[in-house]
N, C-alpha and C. Protein backbone atom coordinates (compact mmCIF):
# COMPACT_ATOMS: atom_id res chain seq x y z
N THR A 1 1.77 -43.70 9.86
CA THR A 1 1.11 -43.02 8.68
C THR A 1 1.08 -41.46 8.94
N ARG A 2 1.82 -41.03 9.88
CA ARG A 2 1.90 -39.61 10.29
C ARG A 2 0.49 -38.90 10.27
N GLN A 3 -0.32 -39.31 11.29
CA GLN A 3 -1.67 -38.69 11.42
C GLN A 3 -1.47 -37.52 12.36
N VAL A 4 -2.57 -36.74 12.56
CA VAL A 4 -2.69 -35.61 13.42
C VAL A 4 -3.63 -35.88 14.60
N GLU A 5 -3.32 -35.46 15.86
CA GLU A 5 -4.32 -35.52 16.89
C GLU A 5 -4.32 -34.20 17.65
N CYS A 6 -5.46 -33.76 17.97
CA CYS A 6 -5.74 -32.47 18.51
C CYS A 6 -6.47 -32.59 19.74
N TRP A 7 -6.25 -31.48 20.71
CA TRP A 7 -7.11 -31.42 21.84
C TRP A 7 -7.23 -29.96 22.45
N GLY A 8 -8.12 -29.67 23.37
CA GLY A 8 -8.20 -28.24 23.86
C GLY A 8 -9.60 -27.70 23.46
N GLY A 9 -9.70 -26.40 23.42
CA GLY A 9 -10.93 -25.61 22.89
C GLY A 9 -11.13 -25.86 21.53
N ASN A 10 -12.60 -25.98 21.15
CA ASN A 10 -12.97 -26.32 19.87
C ASN A 10 -14.17 -25.53 19.41
N ALA A 11 -14.31 -24.32 19.86
CA ALA A 11 -15.53 -23.48 19.59
C ALA A 11 -15.84 -23.32 18.10
N SER A 12 -14.67 -23.37 17.20
CA SER A 12 -14.83 -23.19 15.85
C SER A 12 -14.61 -24.45 14.96
N GLY A 13 -14.37 -25.39 15.62
CA GLY A 13 -14.04 -26.72 14.98
C GLY A 13 -12.52 -26.89 14.64
N GLN A 14 -11.61 -26.16 15.35
CA GLN A 14 -10.32 -26.12 15.08
C GLN A 14 -9.61 -27.40 15.50
N LEU A 15 -10.40 -28.33 16.14
CA LEU A 15 -9.73 -29.73 16.39
C LEU A 15 -9.97 -30.74 15.41
N GLY A 16 -10.86 -30.33 14.44
CA GLY A 16 -10.95 -31.07 13.23
C GLY A 16 -11.74 -32.30 13.26
N ASP A 17 -12.37 -32.71 14.33
CA ASP A 17 -13.00 -33.98 14.51
C ASP A 17 -14.46 -33.93 14.11
N GLY A 18 -14.98 -32.84 13.41
CA GLY A 18 -16.30 -32.87 12.97
C GLY A 18 -17.30 -32.25 14.06
N THR A 19 -16.75 -31.73 15.19
CA THR A 19 -17.60 -31.31 16.32
C THR A 19 -16.98 -29.86 16.72
N THR A 20 -17.81 -29.34 17.68
CA THR A 20 -17.26 -28.18 18.23
C THR A 20 -17.42 -28.35 19.83
N SER A 21 -17.08 -29.63 20.05
CA SER A 21 -16.93 -29.88 21.64
C SER A 21 -15.44 -29.91 22.00
N ASP A 22 -15.24 -29.29 23.18
CA ASP A 22 -13.70 -29.33 23.64
C ASP A 22 -13.43 -30.75 24.04
N HIS A 23 -11.99 -30.95 23.94
CA HIS A 23 -11.40 -32.23 24.35
C HIS A 23 -10.32 -32.01 25.16
N THR A 24 -10.23 -32.73 26.27
CA THR A 24 -9.13 -32.79 27.23
C THR A 24 -8.16 -33.79 26.92
N ARG A 25 -8.39 -34.72 25.96
CA ARG A 25 -7.38 -35.68 25.61
C ARG A 25 -7.26 -35.71 24.08
N PRO A 26 -6.16 -36.01 23.65
CA PRO A 26 -5.86 -35.94 22.08
C PRO A 26 -6.92 -36.85 21.39
N GLU A 27 -7.42 -36.26 20.38
CA GLU A 27 -8.47 -36.94 19.50
C GLU A 27 -7.82 -36.97 17.92
N LEU A 28 -8.04 -38.03 17.28
CA LEU A 28 -7.44 -38.21 15.88
C LEU A 28 -8.29 -37.28 14.92
N VAL A 29 -7.54 -36.55 14.12
CA VAL A 29 -8.11 -35.63 13.19
C VAL A 29 -8.44 -36.57 11.87
N PRO A 30 -9.65 -36.81 11.53
CA PRO A 30 -10.04 -37.71 10.49
C PRO A 30 -9.43 -37.23 9.11
N GLY A 31 -9.28 -38.17 8.12
CA GLY A 31 -8.78 -37.83 6.69
C GLY A 31 -7.48 -37.30 6.52
N LEU A 32 -6.60 -37.35 7.32
CA LEU A 32 -5.15 -36.91 7.15
C LEU A 32 -4.27 -38.06 7.22
N SER A 33 -3.29 -38.20 6.28
CA SER A 33 -2.23 -39.15 6.40
C SER A 33 -0.91 -38.55 5.86
N ASP A 34 0.17 -39.10 6.19
CA ASP A 34 1.38 -38.62 5.63
C ASP A 34 1.62 -37.10 5.86
N VAL A 35 1.26 -36.66 6.94
CA VAL A 35 1.44 -35.31 7.47
C VAL A 35 2.84 -35.02 7.73
N ILE A 36 3.57 -33.89 7.21
CA ILE A 36 4.87 -33.56 7.42
C ILE A 36 5.07 -32.27 8.01
N ASP A 37 3.90 -31.40 8.27
CA ASP A 37 4.03 -30.10 8.86
C ASP A 37 2.59 -29.79 9.34
N VAL A 38 2.64 -29.11 10.40
CA VAL A 38 1.39 -28.68 10.92
C VAL A 38 1.49 -27.17 11.35
N ALA A 39 0.39 -26.32 11.08
CA ALA A 39 0.47 -24.86 11.57
C ALA A 39 -1.00 -24.58 12.12
N VAL A 40 -0.81 -23.85 13.30
CA VAL A 40 -1.95 -23.66 14.08
C VAL A 40 -2.12 -22.06 14.29
N GLY A 41 -3.25 -21.52 13.87
CA GLY A 41 -3.53 -19.97 13.96
C GLY A 41 -4.38 -19.80 15.26
N ARG A 42 -5.07 -18.79 15.42
CA ARG A 42 -5.76 -18.45 16.64
C ARG A 42 -6.97 -19.28 16.75
N GLY A 43 -7.68 -19.63 15.58
CA GLY A 43 -8.84 -20.63 15.67
C GLY A 43 -8.92 -21.53 14.64
N HIS A 44 -7.82 -21.71 13.88
CA HIS A 44 -7.75 -22.59 12.57
C HIS A 44 -6.52 -23.40 12.71
N SER A 45 -6.53 -24.58 12.06
CA SER A 45 -5.45 -25.46 12.01
C SER A 45 -5.29 -25.93 10.62
N CYS A 46 -3.99 -26.26 10.16
CA CYS A 46 -3.64 -26.65 8.87
C CYS A 46 -2.69 -27.67 8.92
N ALA A 47 -2.63 -28.62 7.98
CA ALA A 47 -1.59 -29.76 7.83
C ALA A 47 -1.16 -29.80 6.35
N LEU A 48 0.07 -30.02 6.30
CA LEU A 48 0.78 -30.26 5.03
C LEU A 48 1.14 -31.76 4.95
N GLN A 49 0.49 -32.37 3.93
CA GLN A 49 0.81 -33.78 3.64
C GLN A 49 1.95 -33.99 2.50
N SER A 50 2.73 -35.06 2.59
CA SER A 50 3.84 -35.24 1.82
C SER A 50 3.62 -34.99 0.35
N ALA A 51 2.36 -35.23 -0.13
CA ALA A 51 2.28 -35.04 -1.51
C ALA A 51 2.28 -33.56 -2.05
N GLY A 52 2.27 -32.75 -0.98
CA GLY A 52 2.36 -31.28 -1.28
C GLY A 52 0.99 -30.51 -1.12
N THR A 53 -0.02 -31.35 -0.74
CA THR A 53 -1.37 -30.67 -0.41
C THR A 53 -1.58 -30.18 0.97
N VAL A 54 -2.37 -29.10 1.20
CA VAL A 54 -2.53 -28.52 2.41
C VAL A 54 -3.94 -28.55 2.72
N ALA A 55 -4.47 -29.13 4.00
CA ALA A 55 -5.85 -29.13 4.34
C ALA A 55 -6.00 -28.24 5.52
N CYS A 56 -6.88 -27.41 5.70
CA CYS A 56 -7.09 -26.50 6.85
C CYS A 56 -8.58 -26.77 7.38
N TRP A 57 -8.83 -26.46 8.61
CA TRP A 57 -10.13 -26.55 9.45
C TRP A 57 -10.15 -25.55 10.41
N GLY A 58 -11.48 -25.27 10.92
CA GLY A 58 -11.66 -24.44 12.01
C GLY A 58 -12.28 -23.16 11.62
N ASP A 59 -11.97 -22.07 12.46
CA ASP A 59 -12.52 -20.73 12.24
C ASP A 59 -12.08 -20.25 10.76
N ASN A 60 -13.12 -19.65 10.00
CA ASN A 60 -12.79 -19.24 8.55
C ASN A 60 -13.33 -18.02 8.52
N SER A 61 -13.58 -17.23 9.48
CA SER A 61 -14.11 -15.92 9.43
C SER A 61 -13.39 -14.92 8.65
N LYS A 62 -12.20 -15.02 8.38
CA LYS A 62 -11.41 -14.31 7.55
C LYS A 62 -10.86 -14.97 6.35
N GLY A 63 -11.39 -16.06 6.06
CA GLY A 63 -10.95 -16.93 4.95
C GLY A 63 -9.63 -17.74 5.09
N GLN A 64 -9.23 -17.88 6.43
CA GLN A 64 -7.95 -18.56 6.75
C GLN A 64 -7.95 -19.99 6.44
N VAL A 65 -9.03 -20.62 6.17
CA VAL A 65 -9.01 -22.00 5.83
C VAL A 65 -8.75 -22.21 4.28
N GLY A 66 -8.74 -21.10 3.55
CA GLY A 66 -8.23 -21.08 2.14
C GLY A 66 -9.18 -21.85 1.12
N VAL A 67 -10.43 -21.88 1.31
CA VAL A 67 -11.36 -22.55 0.49
C VAL A 67 -12.17 -21.76 -0.39
N GLY A 68 -11.97 -20.41 -0.49
CA GLY A 68 -12.84 -19.71 -1.24
C GLY A 68 -14.07 -18.93 -0.60
N ASP A 69 -14.29 -19.30 0.60
CA ASP A 69 -15.54 -18.60 1.42
C ASP A 69 -15.17 -18.39 2.74
N ARG A 70 -16.07 -18.03 3.68
CA ARG A 70 -15.78 -17.67 5.11
C ARG A 70 -16.59 -18.46 6.07
N VAL A 71 -16.86 -19.75 5.52
CA VAL A 71 -17.63 -20.73 6.47
C VAL A 71 -16.76 -21.57 7.27
N ASP A 72 -16.86 -21.76 8.54
CA ASP A 72 -16.06 -22.48 9.34
C ASP A 72 -16.13 -24.00 8.80
N ARG A 73 -14.94 -24.61 8.96
CA ARG A 73 -14.86 -26.09 8.66
C ARG A 73 -14.61 -26.90 9.75
N LEU A 74 -15.28 -28.01 10.08
CA LEU A 74 -15.31 -28.84 11.28
C LEU A 74 -14.45 -30.08 11.03
N THR A 75 -13.95 -30.22 9.74
CA THR A 75 -13.04 -31.24 9.35
C THR A 75 -11.96 -30.76 8.25
N PRO A 76 -10.90 -31.27 8.09
CA PRO A 76 -9.87 -30.88 7.20
C PRO A 76 -10.47 -30.80 5.72
N THR A 77 -10.12 -29.57 5.12
CA THR A 77 -10.63 -29.30 3.80
C THR A 77 -9.58 -28.88 3.00
N ALA A 78 -9.28 -29.37 1.76
CA ALA A 78 -8.16 -28.99 0.90
C ALA A 78 -8.23 -27.46 0.61
N VAL A 79 -6.95 -26.99 0.71
CA VAL A 79 -6.79 -25.43 0.36
C VAL A 79 -6.87 -25.39 -1.06
N SER A 80 -7.52 -24.40 -1.56
CA SER A 80 -7.66 -24.26 -3.05
C SER A 80 -6.54 -24.05 -3.81
N GLY A 81 -6.24 -25.02 -4.86
CA GLY A 81 -4.98 -24.78 -5.83
C GLY A 81 -3.63 -25.06 -5.19
N LEU A 82 -3.59 -25.57 -3.97
CA LEU A 82 -2.24 -25.75 -3.44
C LEU A 82 -1.94 -27.13 -3.43
N THR A 83 -1.01 -27.68 -4.35
CA THR A 83 -0.73 -29.14 -4.47
C THR A 83 0.72 -29.40 -4.54
N ASP A 84 1.61 -28.19 -4.23
CA ASP A 84 3.00 -28.33 -4.32
C ASP A 84 3.82 -27.57 -3.20
N ALA A 85 3.24 -27.70 -2.01
CA ALA A 85 3.67 -26.93 -0.81
C ALA A 85 4.64 -27.84 -0.29
N VAL A 86 5.82 -27.24 0.29
CA VAL A 86 6.84 -27.93 0.98
C VAL A 86 7.08 -27.37 2.43
N GLU A 87 6.47 -26.24 2.73
CA GLU A 87 6.49 -25.68 4.18
C GLU A 87 5.31 -24.98 4.40
N LEU A 88 4.83 -24.90 5.67
CA LEU A 88 3.55 -24.41 6.13
C LEU A 88 3.73 -23.61 7.42
N ARG A 89 3.10 -22.37 7.44
CA ARG A 89 3.15 -21.53 8.66
C ARG A 89 1.87 -20.85 8.80
N SER A 90 1.39 -20.48 9.98
CA SER A 90 0.16 -19.71 10.32
C SER A 90 0.43 -18.56 11.11
N GLY A 91 -0.40 -17.52 11.02
CA GLY A 91 -0.43 -16.43 11.87
C GLY A 91 -1.71 -16.41 12.60
N ASN A 92 -2.23 -15.39 13.18
CA ASN A 92 -3.41 -15.24 13.99
C ASN A 92 -4.66 -15.84 13.06
N PHE A 93 -4.82 -15.09 11.95
CA PHE A 93 -6.02 -15.43 11.00
C PHE A 93 -5.55 -15.58 9.56
N SER A 94 -4.43 -16.03 9.36
CA SER A 94 -3.81 -16.09 8.07
C SER A 94 -2.87 -17.39 8.06
N SER A 95 -2.51 -17.83 6.78
CA SER A 95 -1.59 -18.96 6.74
C SER A 95 -0.73 -18.65 5.32
N CYS A 96 0.39 -19.20 5.45
CA CYS A 96 1.22 -19.03 4.11
C CYS A 96 1.94 -20.44 3.94
N ALA A 97 2.33 -20.67 2.74
CA ALA A 97 2.90 -21.92 2.34
C ALA A 97 4.05 -21.59 1.28
N ARG A 98 5.17 -22.26 1.44
CA ARG A 98 6.13 -22.21 0.44
C ARG A 98 6.02 -23.32 -0.67
N ARG A 99 5.99 -22.87 -1.75
CA ARG A 99 5.96 -23.96 -2.86
C ARG A 99 7.23 -24.66 -3.21
N ALA A 100 7.23 -25.81 -3.80
CA ALA A 100 8.49 -26.42 -4.18
C ALA A 100 9.39 -25.49 -5.17
N SER A 101 8.69 -24.60 -5.90
CA SER A 101 9.34 -23.74 -6.81
C SER A 101 10.17 -22.59 -6.06
N GLY A 102 9.80 -22.47 -4.78
CA GLY A 102 10.34 -21.35 -4.05
C GLY A 102 9.33 -20.09 -3.98
N ALA A 103 8.31 -20.18 -4.67
CA ALA A 103 7.36 -19.20 -4.59
C ALA A 103 6.56 -19.23 -3.20
N VAL A 104 5.98 -18.22 -2.61
CA VAL A 104 5.31 -18.20 -1.44
C VAL A 104 3.82 -17.69 -1.62
N VAL A 105 2.87 -18.30 -1.10
CA VAL A 105 1.47 -17.98 -1.18
C VAL A 105 0.76 -17.88 0.19
N CYS A 106 -0.01 -16.90 0.33
CA CYS A 106 -0.77 -16.67 1.64
C CYS A 106 -2.25 -16.49 1.45
N TRP A 107 -3.01 -16.67 2.53
CA TRP A 107 -4.37 -16.50 2.60
C TRP A 107 -4.96 -16.10 3.80
N GLY A 108 -6.02 -15.53 3.80
CA GLY A 108 -6.64 -15.13 5.20
C GLY A 108 -6.76 -13.60 5.35
N GLU A 109 -6.80 -13.25 6.68
CA GLU A 109 -6.70 -11.79 7.04
C GLU A 109 -5.47 -11.12 6.46
N ASN A 110 -5.85 -9.75 5.99
CA ASN A 110 -4.80 -8.96 5.26
C ASN A 110 -4.77 -7.65 5.86
N LEU A 111 -5.22 -7.21 7.05
CA LEU A 111 -5.50 -5.93 7.52
C LEU A 111 -4.15 -5.16 7.58
N PHE A 112 -3.10 -5.91 7.86
CA PHE A 112 -1.68 -5.18 7.88
C PHE A 112 -0.80 -5.56 6.50
N GLY A 113 -1.41 -6.15 5.52
CA GLY A 113 -0.70 -6.51 4.42
C GLY A 113 0.13 -7.71 4.70
N GLN A 114 -0.32 -8.66 5.73
CA GLN A 114 0.31 -9.92 6.09
C GLN A 114 0.36 -10.92 4.97
N LEU A 115 -0.46 -10.69 3.91
CA LEU A 115 -0.39 -11.75 2.76
C LEU A 115 0.65 -11.46 1.84
N GLY A 116 1.21 -10.21 1.84
CA GLY A 116 2.38 -9.78 0.95
C GLY A 116 1.91 -9.72 -0.47
N ASP A 117 0.67 -9.48 -0.87
CA ASP A 117 0.23 -9.34 -2.25
C ASP A 117 0.17 -7.76 -2.55
N GLY A 118 0.51 -6.85 -1.82
CA GLY A 118 0.63 -5.65 -2.21
C GLY A 118 -0.67 -4.74 -1.80
N THR A 119 -1.61 -5.55 -1.14
CA THR A 119 -2.93 -4.97 -0.81
C THR A 119 -3.20 -5.31 0.73
N THR A 120 -4.26 -4.60 1.22
CA THR A 120 -4.85 -5.04 2.55
C THR A 120 -6.25 -5.61 2.39
N THR A 121 -6.37 -6.36 1.36
CA THR A 121 -7.55 -7.04 0.91
C THR A 121 -7.56 -8.48 1.52
N THR A 122 -8.38 -8.92 2.34
CA THR A 122 -8.59 -10.36 2.75
C THR A 122 -8.72 -11.12 1.71
N ARG A 123 -8.08 -12.27 1.65
CA ARG A 123 -8.20 -13.36 0.55
C ARG A 123 -8.61 -14.69 1.10
N THR A 124 -9.62 -15.25 0.38
CA THR A 124 -10.26 -16.55 0.87
C THR A 124 -9.61 -17.76 0.19
N VAL A 125 -8.65 -17.53 -0.74
CA VAL A 125 -7.72 -18.43 -1.32
C VAL A 125 -6.28 -17.96 -1.48
N PRO A 126 -5.35 -18.91 -1.61
CA PRO A 126 -4.10 -18.47 -1.69
C PRO A 126 -3.66 -17.44 -2.74
N VAL A 127 -2.87 -16.38 -2.54
CA VAL A 127 -2.45 -15.45 -3.46
C VAL A 127 -0.94 -15.46 -3.39
N ASP A 128 -0.28 -15.07 -4.51
CA ASP A 128 1.23 -14.97 -4.47
C ASP A 128 1.84 -13.79 -3.63
N VAL A 129 2.87 -14.08 -2.92
CA VAL A 129 3.51 -13.08 -2.28
C VAL A 129 4.48 -12.37 -3.39
N LEU A 130 4.31 -10.94 -3.49
CA LEU A 130 4.99 -10.29 -4.66
C LEU A 130 6.48 -10.44 -4.53
N GLY A 131 7.16 -10.94 -5.72
CA GLY A 131 8.66 -10.94 -5.83
C GLY A 131 9.35 -12.03 -5.10
N VAL A 132 8.54 -12.78 -4.31
CA VAL A 132 9.42 -13.86 -3.73
C VAL A 132 9.19 -15.20 -4.55
N THR A 133 10.19 -15.66 -5.30
CA THR A 133 10.11 -16.71 -6.10
C THR A 133 11.18 -17.74 -5.95
N ASP A 134 12.04 -17.51 -4.94
CA ASP A 134 13.20 -18.33 -4.59
C ASP A 134 13.48 -18.53 -3.12
N ALA A 135 12.27 -18.52 -2.46
CA ALA A 135 12.34 -18.80 -1.02
C ALA A 135 12.86 -20.14 -0.59
N ILE A 136 13.73 -20.28 0.49
CA ILE A 136 14.21 -21.59 1.00
C ILE A 136 13.76 -21.70 2.49
N GLY A 137 13.08 -20.71 3.09
CA GLY A 137 12.51 -20.75 4.47
C GLY A 137 11.38 -19.82 4.55
N LEU A 138 10.57 -20.04 5.46
CA LEU A 138 9.41 -19.20 5.65
C LEU A 138 9.08 -19.12 7.25
N THR A 139 8.62 -17.91 7.62
CA THR A 139 8.19 -17.82 9.05
C THR A 139 6.94 -16.86 8.99
N VAL A 140 6.02 -17.03 9.90
CA VAL A 140 4.92 -16.20 9.98
C VAL A 140 4.62 -15.79 11.41
N GLY A 141 4.37 -14.63 11.79
CA GLY A 141 4.14 -14.11 12.93
C GLY A 141 2.57 -13.78 13.18
N THR A 142 2.25 -13.07 14.20
CA THR A 142 0.84 -12.78 14.42
C THR A 142 0.23 -12.10 13.17
N THR A 143 0.88 -11.11 12.70
CA THR A 143 0.34 -10.31 11.63
C THR A 143 1.49 -9.83 10.50
N GLN A 144 2.40 -10.66 10.47
CA GLN A 144 3.68 -10.46 9.60
C GLN A 144 4.24 -11.73 9.14
N ALA A 145 5.04 -11.60 8.15
CA ALA A 145 5.61 -13.00 7.55
C ALA A 145 7.07 -12.56 6.98
N CYS A 146 7.95 -13.44 6.86
CA CYS A 146 9.30 -13.36 6.36
C CYS A 146 9.65 -14.50 5.55
N ALA A 147 10.39 -14.38 4.41
CA ALA A 147 10.97 -15.37 3.73
C ALA A 147 12.43 -15.13 3.66
N LEU A 148 13.22 -16.37 3.77
CA LEU A 148 14.49 -16.41 3.48
C LEU A 148 14.72 -16.79 2.04
N ARG A 149 15.41 -15.92 1.11
CA ARG A 149 15.75 -16.11 -0.36
C ARG A 149 16.93 -17.03 -0.37
N ALA A 150 17.12 -17.60 -1.47
CA ALA A 150 18.23 -18.48 -1.79
C ALA A 150 19.54 -17.70 -1.74
N GLY A 151 19.45 -16.41 -2.12
CA GLY A 151 20.61 -15.52 -2.11
C GLY A 151 21.06 -15.15 -0.53
N GLY A 152 20.20 -15.37 0.31
CA GLY A 152 20.58 -14.99 1.71
C GLY A 152 19.72 -13.82 2.10
N GLN A 153 19.07 -13.12 1.23
CA GLN A 153 18.25 -11.89 1.66
C GLN A 153 16.93 -12.28 2.33
N ILE A 154 16.68 -11.54 3.34
CA ILE A 154 15.28 -11.91 3.99
C ILE A 154 14.40 -10.69 3.62
N PHE A 155 13.18 -11.17 3.11
CA PHE A 155 12.09 -10.41 2.76
C PHE A 155 11.09 -10.41 3.79
N CYS A 156 10.50 -9.46 4.31
CA CYS A 156 9.38 -9.37 5.29
C CYS A 156 8.15 -8.41 4.73
N TRP A 157 7.02 -8.75 5.30
CA TRP A 157 5.84 -7.95 4.86
C TRP A 157 4.87 -8.09 6.08
N GLY A 158 3.94 -7.06 6.19
CA GLY A 158 2.93 -7.13 7.14
C GLY A 158 3.12 -6.06 8.27
N SER A 159 2.67 -6.32 9.40
CA SER A 159 2.72 -5.37 10.60
C SER A 159 4.11 -5.11 10.94
N ASN A 160 4.43 -3.88 11.39
CA ASN A 160 5.77 -3.44 11.82
C ASN A 160 5.49 -2.54 13.05
N ARG A 161 4.33 -2.66 13.71
CA ARG A 161 4.05 -1.87 14.89
C ARG A 161 5.21 -1.70 15.88
N ARG A 162 5.86 -2.83 16.09
CA ARG A 162 6.78 -2.93 17.16
C ARG A 162 8.14 -3.19 16.56
N GLY A 163 8.35 -2.84 15.15
CA GLY A 163 9.76 -2.86 14.56
C GLY A 163 10.01 -4.35 14.08
N GLU A 164 8.83 -5.20 13.79
CA GLU A 164 9.19 -6.67 13.49
C GLU A 164 9.77 -6.72 12.09
N LEU A 165 9.62 -5.68 11.23
CA LEU A 165 10.15 -5.70 9.90
C LEU A 165 11.61 -5.11 9.78
N GLY A 166 11.97 -4.41 10.95
CA GLY A 166 13.33 -3.66 10.89
C GLY A 166 13.16 -2.41 10.11
N LEU A 167 12.05 -1.75 10.04
CA LEU A 167 11.92 -0.64 9.24
C LEU A 167 11.11 0.40 10.05
N PRO A 168 11.20 1.86 9.70
CA PRO A 168 10.52 2.83 10.51
C PRO A 168 8.98 2.81 10.32
N ALA A 169 8.49 2.30 8.96
CA ALA A 169 7.21 2.41 8.68
C ALA A 169 6.24 1.59 9.60
N GLN A 170 5.02 1.86 9.62
CA GLN A 170 3.97 1.10 10.47
C GLN A 170 3.65 -0.37 9.88
N TRP A 171 3.69 -0.44 8.61
CA TRP A 171 3.37 -1.77 8.05
C TRP A 171 3.72 -1.81 6.46
N SER A 172 4.01 -2.88 5.77
CA SER A 172 4.15 -3.06 4.46
C SER A 172 3.51 -4.06 3.93
N PRO A 173 2.55 -3.81 2.86
CA PRO A 173 1.67 -4.81 2.13
C PRO A 173 2.39 -5.63 1.12
N ALA A 174 3.71 -5.24 0.85
CA ALA A 174 4.47 -5.99 -0.14
C ALA A 174 5.92 -6.22 0.59
N PRO A 175 6.47 -7.26 -0.05
CA PRO A 175 7.86 -7.70 0.78
C PRO A 175 8.80 -6.54 0.47
N ILE A 176 9.61 -6.51 1.58
CA ILE A 176 10.70 -5.55 1.53
C ILE A 176 11.99 -6.24 2.14
N VAL A 177 13.11 -5.86 1.62
CA VAL A 177 14.35 -6.39 2.06
C VAL A 177 14.56 -5.90 3.50
N VAL A 178 14.86 -6.82 4.42
CA VAL A 178 15.29 -6.39 5.69
C VAL A 178 16.71 -5.97 5.76
N PRO A 179 16.94 -4.74 6.21
CA PRO A 179 18.37 -4.16 6.17
C PRO A 179 19.34 -4.96 6.98
């Protein structure tokens, strides 16, 4: 039934078992089945189920659980409005999903524009990444993300402090074509 088990530190409930107790052995995360992808951030975890829904849990101080508030969740909670995801990735305090249509949405911390919505405003629910409507692949780093588009172009957004985006700018809050 493709369930999820977690272990390790659990200060923010990132193990999803309803507690904040650390576990040295794998523990079943309740309420998940048919999981096809898992993404883990700095203190939050998310799972993509085969039906296209995403559930997240753990640290939600920056809205990274995607449920419209900033209250930590100790068990998996459905991400608002996301029912057609096919790929899931997480950064430190944010997550992104590729929809079946090829559109990409992100939520959580946005200090460096890592949500790709053209702003640096933190979002507690998924927002569309500007101009990316035909993605076939997705990757998310600590504070940046990139999408591979159907035509072969790579679009990236977020932090560029160490040249992660392949540009001279410090950061980009909207997707740019990687040269």
